[in-house]
Amino acid sequence: MRPIENDFKAIVDALEAGRVGPLSPMEHRIITRFWVLWRWRNYFIDSPEKPRLLSGVQPDTLSKDQREILESQGGRS
C-alpha cells in the first residue's frame, strides 16, 4: 500500500507546486490505483472480517512477537 500512496503523493506534490497540464496515462493509473486502495479500505471498515482460528497453530508455542504479528493480521492466539 505504501508504494501506491507514495506515487499518488508525488503527483499531488507536483500539482501543489504549480504544475499545470494534462495528466499522463501513467499518472491516471496511479490516481486510479489510489482510489481503489481507498475504496477497499472503506469496504473493510464498513464490513470487517471476524477473526478466525488458524488450524495447526498452537497459541502457547508462539512467541510474543509472533502473537502480535498474528493478531495484527486478524488472527487470534
PDB file of N, CA and C in Angstrom:
ATOM      1  N   MET A   1       0.813  -1.191   0.000  1.00  0.00           N
ATOM      2  CA  MET A   1       0.000   0.000   0.000  1.00  0.00           C
ATOM      3  C   MET A   1       0.862   1.263   0.000  1.00  0.00           C
ATOM      4  N   ARG A   2       1.987   1.181   0.673  1.00  0.00           N
ATOM      5  CA  ARG A   2       2.841   2.365   0.775  1.00  0.00           C
ATOM      6  C   ARG A   2       3.308   2.853  -0.597  1.00  0.00           C
ATOM      7  N   PRO A   3       3.720   1.971  -1.528  1.00  0.00           N
ATOM      8  CA  PRO A   3       4.124   2.470  -2.846  1.00  0.00           C
ATOM      9  C   PRO A   3       2.995   3.197  -3.584  1.00  0.00           C
ATOM     10  N   ILE A   4       1.763   2.716  -3.439  1.00  0.00           N
ATOM     11  CA  ILE A   4       0.624   3.377  -4.080  1.00  0.00           C
ATOM     12  C   ILE A   4       0.461   4.783  -3.503  1.00  0.00           C
ATOM     13  N   GLU A   5       0.547   4.883  -2.176  1.00  0.00           N
ATOM     14  CA  GLU A   5       0.408   6.183  -1.525  1.00  0.00           C
ATOM     15  C   GLU A   5       1.546   7.125  -1.926  1.00  0.00           C
ATOM     16  N   ASN A   6       2.771   6.603  -1.994  1.00  0.00           N
ATOM     17  CA  ASN A   6       3.917   7.441  -2.359  1.00  0.00           C
ATOM     18  C   ASN A   6       3.808   7.960  -3.788  1.00  0.00           C
ATOM     19  N   ASP A   7       3.398   7.102  -4.714  1.00  0.00           N
ATOM     20  CA  ASP A   7       3.236   7.531  -6.109  1.00  0.00           C
ATOM     21  C   ASP A   7       2.176   8.629  -6.217  1.00  0.00           C
ATOM     22  N   PHE A   8       1.069   8.442  -5.494  1.00  0.00           N
ATOM     23  CA  PHE A   8      -0.010   9.434  -5.517  1.00  0.00           C
ATOM     24  C   PHE A   8       0.475  10.755  -4.913  1.00  0.00           C
ATOM     25  N   LYS A   9       1.200  10.660  -3.800  1.00  0.00           N
ATOM     26  CA  LYS A   9       1.698  11.868  -3.141  1.00  0.00           C
ATOM     27  C   LYS A   9       2.628  12.659  -4.061  1.00  0.00           C
ATOM     28  N   ALA A  10       3.426  11.970  -4.858  1.00  0.00           N
ATOM     29  CA  ALA A  10       4.323  12.669  -5.788  1.00  0.00           C
ATOM     30  C   ALA A  10       3.526  13.501  -6.793  1.00  0.00           C
ATOM     31  N   ILE A  11       2.413  12.969  -7.264  1.00  0.00           N
ATOM     32  CA  ILE A  11       1.564  13.717  -8.195  1.00  0.00           C
ATOM     33  C   ILE A  11       0.954  14.926  -7.492  1.00  0.00           C
ATOM     34  N   VAL A  12       0.438  14.706  -6.291  1.00  0.00           N
ATOM     35  CA  VAL A  12      -0.175  15.796  -5.530  1.00  0.00           C
ATOM     36  C   VAL A  12       0.853  16.891  -5.249  1.00  0.00           C
ATOM     37  N   ASP A  13       2.059  16.493  -4.853  1.00  0.00           N
ATOM     38  CA  ASP A  13       3.111  17.480  -4.573  1.00  0.00           C
ATOM     39  C   ASP A  13       3.432  18.312  -5.817  1.00  0.00           C
ATOM     40  N   ALA A  14       3.501  17.647  -6.975  1.00  0.00           N
ATOM     41  CA  ALA A  14       3.784  18.372  -8.222  1.00  0.00           C
ATOM     42  C   ALA A  14       2.674  19.358  -8.544  1.00  0.00           C
ATOM     43  N   LEU A  15       1.437  18.961  -8.341  1.00  0.00           N
ATOM     44  CA  LEU A  15       0.306  19.851  -8.611  1.00  0.00           C
ATOM     45  C   LEU A  15       0.287  21.028  -7.632  1.00  0.00           C
ATOM     46  N   GLU A  16       0.585  20.746  -6.369  1.00  0.00           N
ATOM     47  CA  GLU A  16       0.640  21.823  -5.375  1.00  0.00           C
ATOM     48  C   GLU A  16       1.774  22.798  -5.663  1.00  0.00           C
ATOM     49  N   ALA A  17       2.846  22.314  -6.291  1.00  0.00           N
ATOM     50  CA  ALA A  17       3.989  23.168  -6.619  1.00  0.00           C
ATOM     51  C   ALA A  17       3.729  24.016  -7.858  1.00  0.00           C
ATOM     52  N   GLY A  18       2.559  23.818  -8.494  1.00  0.00           N
ATOM     53  CA  GLY A  18       2.204  24.671  -9.613  1.00  0.00           C
ATOM     54  C   GLY A  18       2.229  24.004 -10.976  1.00  0.00           C
ATOM     55  N   ARG A  19       2.452  22.724 -11.007  1.00  0.00           N
ATOM     56  CA  ARG A  19       2.456  22.038 -12.294  1.00  0.00           C
ATOM     57  C   ARG A  19       1.090  22.168 -12.954  1.00  0.00           C
ATOM     58  N   VAL A  20       1.079  22.425 -14.240  1.00  0.00           N
ATOM     59  CA  VAL A  20      -0.170  22.515 -14.987  1.00  0.00           C
ATOM     60  C   VAL A  20      -0.084  21.589 -16.199  1.00  0.00           C
ATOM     61  N   GLY A  21      -1.216  21.336 -16.795  1.00  0.00           N
ATOM     62  CA  GLY A  21      -1.255  20.487 -17.979  1.00  0.00           C
ATOM     63  C   GLY A  21      -1.977  19.189 -17.698  1.00  0.00           C
ATOM     64  N   PRO A  22      -2.240  18.457 -18.740  1.00  0.00           N
ATOM     65  CA  PRO A  22      -2.983  17.206 -18.564  1.00  0.00           C
ATOM     66  C   PRO A  22      -2.139  16.127 -17.888  1.00  0.00           C
ATOM     67  N   LEU A  23      -2.826  15.173 -17.281  1.00  0.00           N
ATOM     68  CA  LEU A  23      -2.150  14.044 -16.661  1.00  0.00           C
ATOM     69  C   LEU A  23      -1.758  13.030 -17.727  1.00  0.00           C
ATOM     70  N   SER A  24      -0.639  12.381 -17.499  1.00  0.00           N
ATOM     71  CA  SER A  24      -0.204  11.328 -18.417  1.00  0.00           C
ATOM     72  C   SER A  24      -1.017  10.061 -18.149  1.00  0.00           C
ATOM     73  N   PRO A  25      -1.015   9.117 -19.077  1.00  0.00           N
ATOM     74  CA  PRO A  25      -1.705   7.836 -18.815  1.00  0.00           C
ATOM     75  C   PRO A  25      -1.176   7.144 -17.543  1.00  0.00           C
ATOM     76  N   MET A  26       0.136   7.235 -17.296  1.00  0.00           N
ATOM     77  CA  MET A  26       0.708   6.623 -16.085  1.00  0.00           C
ATOM     78  C   MET A  26       0.175   7.319 -14.837  1.00  0.00           C
ATOM     79  N   GLU A  27       0.094   8.639 -14.856  1.00  0.00           N
ATOM     80  CA  GLU A  27      -0.441   9.371 -13.702  1.00  0.00           C
ATOM     81  C   GLU A  27      -1.907   9.014 -13.469  1.00  0.00           C
ATOM     82  N   HIS A  28      -2.643   8.841 -14.534  1.00  0.00           N
ATOM     83  CA  HIS A  28      -4.044   8.443 -14.399  1.00  0.00           C
ATOM     84  C   HIS A  28      -4.141   7.074 -13.727  1.00  0.00           C
ATOM     85  N   ARG A  29      -3.265   6.144 -14.114  1.00  0.00           N
ATOM     86  CA  ARG A  29      -3.262   4.815 -13.477  1.00  0.00           C
ATOM     87  C   ARG A  29      -2.910   4.916 -12.000  1.00  0.00           C
ATOM     88  N   ILE A  30      -1.946   5.771 -11.669  1.00  0.00           N
ATOM     89  CA  ILE A  30      -1.549   5.953 -10.267  1.00  0.00           C
ATOM     90  C   ILE A  30      -2.728   6.476  -9.454  1.00  0.00           C
ATOM     91  N   ILE A  31      -3.431   7.468  -9.982  1.00  0.00           N
ATOM     92  CA  ILE A  31      -4.584   8.036  -9.274  1.00  0.00           C
ATOM     93  C   ILE A  31      -5.685   6.989  -9.139  1.00  0.00           C
ATOM     94  N   THR A  32      -5.898   6.202 -10.167  1.00  0.00           N
ATOM     95  CA  THR A  32      -6.915   5.146 -10.112  1.00  0.00           C
ATOM     96  C   THR A  32      -6.547   4.102  -9.072  1.00  0.00           C
ATOM     97  N   ARG A  33      -5.270   3.711  -9.023  1.00  0.00           N
ATOM     98  CA  ARG A  33      -4.837   2.733  -8.015  1.00  0.00           C
ATOM     99  C   ARG A  33      -5.058   3.281  -6.605  1.00  0.00           C
ATOM    100  N   PHE A  34      -4.795   4.574  -6.407  1.00  0.00           N
ATOM    101  CA  PHE A  34      -5.009   5.181  -5.094  1.00  0.00           C
ATOM    102  C   PHE A  34      -6.495   5.179  -4.734  1.00  0.00           C
ATOM    103  N   TRP A  35      -7.339   5.494  -5.710  1.00  0.00           N
ATOM    104  CA  TRP A  35      -8.792   5.484  -5.476  1.00  0.00           C
ATOM    105  C   TRP A  35      -9.256   4.080  -5.085  1.00  0.00           C
ATOM    106  N   VAL A  36      -8.750   3.076  -5.792  1.00  0.00           N
ATOM    107  CA  VAL A  36      -9.135   1.688  -5.480  1.00  0.00           C
ATOM    108  C   VAL A  36      -8.660   1.306  -4.082  1.00  0.00           C
ATOM    109  N   LEU A  37      -7.461   1.729  -3.709  1.00  0.00           N
ATOM    110  CA  LEU A  37      -6.954   1.458  -2.365  1.00  0.00           C
ATOM    111  C   LEU A  37      -7.901   2.016  -1.311  1.00  0.00           C
ATOM    112  N   TRP A  38      -8.331   3.257  -1.490  1.00  0.00           N
ATOM    113  CA  TRP A  38      -9.244   3.864  -0.521  1.00  0.00           C
ATOM    114  C   TRP A  38     -10.614   3.217  -0.557  1.00  0.00           C
ATOM    115  N   ARG A  39     -11.029   2.784  -1.719  1.00  0.00           N
ATOM    116  CA  ARG A  39     -12.321   2.081  -1.809  1.00  0.00           C
ATOM    117  C   ARG A  39     -12.265   0.796  -0.997  1.00  0.00           C
ATOM    118  N   TRP A  40     -11.202   0.004  -1.120  1.00  0.00           N
ATOM    119  CA  TRP A  40     -11.069  -1.242  -0.359  1.00  0.00           C
ATOM    120  C   TRP A  40     -10.940  -0.965   1.126  1.00  0.00           C
ATOM    121  N   ARG A  41     -10.198   0.070   1.481  1.00  0.00           N
ATOM    122  CA  ARG A  41     -10.092   0.406   2.908  1.00  0.00           C
ATOM    123  C   ARG A  41     -11.463   0.721   3.484  1.00  0.00           C
ATOM    124  N   ASN A  42     -12.241   1.491   2.760  1.00  0.00           N
ATOM    125  CA  ASN A  42     -13.583   1.826   3.221  1.00  0.00           C
ATOM    126  C   ASN A  42     -14.452   0.575   3.321  1.00  0.00           C
ATOM    127  N   TYR A  43     -14.335  -0.312   2.367  1.00  0.00           N
ATOM    128  CA  TYR A  43     -15.108  -1.564   2.387  1.00  0.00           C
ATOM    129  C   TYR A  43     -14.798  -2.350   3.652  1.00  0.00           C
ATOM    130  N   PHE A  44     -13.516  -2.491   3.991  1.00  0.00           N
ATOM    131  CA  PHE A  44     -13.154  -3.284   5.161  1.00  0.00           C
ATOM    132  C   PHE A  44     -13.488  -2.578   6.468  1.00  0.00           C
ATOM    133  N   ILE A  45     -13.557  -1.257   6.449  1.00  0.00           N
ATOM    134  CA  ILE A  45     -14.004  -0.539   7.646  1.00  0.00           C
ATOM    135  C   ILE A  45     -15.494  -0.777   7.854  1.00  0.00           C
ATOM    136  N   ASP A  46     -16.269  -0.735   6.765  1.00  0.00           N
ATOM    137  CA  ASP A  46     -17.714  -0.908   6.863  1.00  0.00           C
ATOM    138  C   ASP A  46     -18.127  -2.349   7.130  1.00  0.00           C
ATOM    139  N   SER A  47     -17.329  -3.317   6.706  1.00  0.00           N
ATOM    140  CA  SER A  47     -17.694  -4.725   6.914  1.00  0.00           C
ATOM    141  C   SER A  47     -16.441  -5.530   7.260  1.00  0.00           C
ATOM    142  N   PRO A  48     -15.932  -5.328   8.477  1.00  0.00           N
ATOM    143  CA  PRO A  48     -14.709  -6.036   8.867  1.00  0.00           C
ATOM    144  C   PRO A  48     -14.941  -7.540   8.993  1.00  0.00           C
ATOM    145  N   GLU A  49     -13.907  -8.293   8.681  1.00  0.00           N
ATOM    146  CA  GLU A  49     -13.997  -9.739   8.840  1.00  0.00           C
ATOM    147  C   GLU A  49     -13.848 -10.083  10.308  1.00  0.00           C
ATOM    148  N   LYS A  50     -14.503 -11.143  10.696  1.00  0.00           N
ATOM    149  CA  LYS A  50     -14.375 -11.617  12.061  1.00  0.00           C
ATOM    150  C   LYS A  50     -13.072 -12.414  12.172  1.00  0.00           C
ATOM    151  N   PRO A  51     -12.405 -12.346  13.318  1.00  0.00           N
ATOM    152  CA  PRO A  51     -11.175 -13.118  13.495  1.00  0.00           C
ATOM    153  C   PRO A  51     -11.440 -14.613  13.303  1.00  0.00           C
ATOM    154  N   ARG A  52     -10.474 -15.304  12.738  1.00  0.00           N
ATOM    155  CA  ARG A  52     -10.616 -16.743  12.513  1.00  0.00           C
ATOM    156  C   ARG A  52      -9.507 -17.485  13.233  1.00  0.00           C
ATOM    157  N   LEU A  53      -9.826 -18.691  13.679  1.00  0.00           N
ATOM    158  CA  LEU A  53      -8.813 -19.552  14.268  1.00  0.00           C
ATOM    159  C   LEU A  53      -8.027 -20.215  13.146  1.00  0.00           C
ATOM    160  N   LEU A  54      -6.731 -20.324  13.330  1.00  0.00           N
ATOM    161  CA  LEU A  54      -5.885 -20.962  12.337  1.00  0.00           C
ATOM    162  C   LEU A  54      -5.595 -22.385  12.790  1.00  0.00           C
ATOM    163  N   SER A  55      -5.938 -23.331  11.949  1.00  0.00           N
ATOM    164  CA  SER A  55      -5.681 -24.715  12.320  1.00  0.00           C
ATOM    165  C   SER A  55      -4.187 -24.993  12.253  1.00  0.00           C
ATOM    166  N   GLY A  56      -3.705 -25.770  13.182  1.00  0.00           N
ATOM    167  CA  GLY A  56      -2.295 -26.127  13.202  1.00  0.00           C
ATOM    168  C   GLY A  56      -1.407 -25.138  13.925  1.00  0.00           C
ATOM    169  N   VAL A  57      -1.958 -24.040  14.428  1.00  0.00           N
ATOM    170  CA  VAL A  57      -1.166 -23.055  15.170  1.00  0.00           C
ATOM    171  C   VAL A  57      -1.598 -23.122  16.631  1.00  0.00           C
ATOM    172  N   GLN A  58      -0.667 -23.487  17.480  1.00  0.00           N
ATOM    173  CA  GLN A  58      -0.945 -23.572  18.907  1.00  0.00           C
ATOM    174  C   GLN A  58      -0.493 -22.281  19.578  1.00  0.00           C
ATOM    175  N   PRO A  59      -1.396 -21.565  20.249  1.00  0.00           N
ATOM    176  CA  PRO A  59      -1.049 -20.266  20.828  1.00  0.00           C
ATOM    177  C   PRO A  59       0.123 -20.327  21.805  1.00  0.00           C
ATOM    178  N   ASP A  60       0.204 -21.401  22.591  1.00  0.00           N
ATOM    179  CA  ASP A  60       1.250 -21.469  23.603  1.00  0.00           C
ATOM    180  C   ASP A  60       2.640 -21.696  22.994  1.00  0.00           C
ATOM    181  N   THR A  61       2.740 -22.019  21.709  1.00  0.00           N
ATOM    182  CA  THR A  61       4.043 -22.232  21.084  1.00  0.00           C
ATOM    183  C   THR A  61       4.543 -20.974  20.378  1.00  0.00           C
ATOM    184  N   LEU A  62       3.751 -19.928  20.367  1.00  0.00           N
ATOM    185  CA  LEU A  62       4.137 -18.699  19.675  1.00  0.00           C
ATOM    186  C   LEU A  62       4.830 -17.738  20.630  1.00  0.00           C
ATOM    187  N   SER A  63       5.856 -17.059  20.128  1.00  0.00           N
ATOM    188  CA  SER A  63       6.496 -16.020  20.926  1.00  0.00           C
ATOM    189  C   SER A  63       5.573 -14.803  20.983  1.00  0.00           C
ATOM    190  N   LYS A  64       5.904 -13.865  21.853  1.00  0.00           N
ATOM    191  CA  LYS A  64       5.093 -12.653  21.956  1.00  0.00           C
ATOM    192  C   LYS A  64       5.062 -11.920  20.614  1.00  0.00           C
ATOM    193  N   ASP A  65       6.222 -11.805  19.943  1.00  0.00           N
ATOM    194  CA  ASP A  65       6.275 -11.140  18.640  1.00  0.00           C
ATOM    195  C   ASP A  65       5.413 -11.869  17.618  1.00  0.00           C
ATOM    196  N   GLN A  66       5.462 -13.196  17.605  1.00  0.00           N
ATOM    197  CA  GLN A  66       4.659 -13.976  16.667  1.00  0.00           C
ATOM    198  C   GLN A  66       3.168 -13.781  16.935  1.00  0.00           C
ATOM    199  N   ARG A  67       2.769 -13.734  18.208  1.00  0.00           N
ATOM    200  CA  ARG A  67       1.354 -13.499  18.547  1.00  0.00           C
ATOM    201  C   ARG A  67       0.904 -12.128  18.077  1.00  0.00           C
ATOM    202  N   GLU A  68       1.759 -11.107  18.269  1.00  0.00           N
ATOM    203  CA  GLU A  68       1.399  -9.750  17.847  1.00  0.00           C
ATOM    204  C   GLU A  68       1.266  -9.662  16.332  1.00  0.00           C
ATOM    205  N   ILE A  69       2.155 -10.335  15.604  1.00  0.00           N
ATOM    206  CA  ILE A  69       2.058 -10.350  14.145  1.00  0.00           C
ATOM    207  C   ILE A  69       0.769 -11.045  13.729  1.00  0.00           C
ATOM    208  N   LEU A  70       0.474 -12.189  14.338  1.00  0.00           N
ATOM    209  CA  LEU A  70      -0.755 -12.925  14.033  1.00  0.00           C
ATOM    210  C   LEU A  70      -1.983 -12.068  14.317  1.00  0.00           C
ATOM    211  N   GLU A  71      -2.012 -11.404  15.463  1.00  0.00           N
ATOM    212  CA  GLU A  71      -3.154 -10.553  15.812  1.00  0.00           C
ATOM    213  C   GLU A  71      -3.286  -9.372  14.862  1.00  0.00           C
ATOM    214  N   SER A  72      -2.171  -8.795  14.433  1.00  0.00           N
ATOM    215  CA  SER A  72      -2.235  -7.644  13.529  1.00  0.00           C
ATOM    216  C   SER A  72      -2.783  -8.048  12.160  1.00  0.00           C
ATOM    217  N   GLN A  73      -2.735  -9.336  11.850  1.00  0.00           N
ATOM    218  CA  GLN A  73      -3.253  -9.833  10.587  1.00  0.00           C
ATOM    219  C   GLN A  73      -4.636 -10.451  10.739  1.00  0.00           C
ATOM    220  N   GLY A  74      -5.286 -10.189  11.868  1.00  0.00           N
ATOM    221  CA  GLY A  74      -6.663 -10.621  12.058  1.00  0.00           C
ATOM    222  C   GLY A  74      -6.821 -11.978  12.700  1.00  0.00           C
ATOM    223  N   GLY A  75      -5.762 -12.585  13.141  1.00  0.00           N
ATOM    224  CA  GLY A  75      -5.859 -13.894  13.793  1.00  0.00           C
ATOM    225  C   GLY A  75      -5.987 -13.747  15.303  1.00  0.00           C
ATOM    226  N   ARG A  76      -6.320 -14.840  15.955  1.00  0.00           N
ATOM    227  CA  ARG A  76      -6.403 -14.843  17.408  1.00  0.00           C
ATOM    228  C   ARG A  76      -5.450 -15.894  17.930  1.00  0.00           C
ATOM    229  N   SER A  77      -4.823 -15.598  19.039  1.00  0.00           N
ATOM    230  CA  SER A  77      -3.955 -16.608  19.643  1.00  0.00           C
ATOM    231  C   SER A  77      -4.558 -17.087  20.940  1.00  0.00           C
TER     232      SER A  77
END
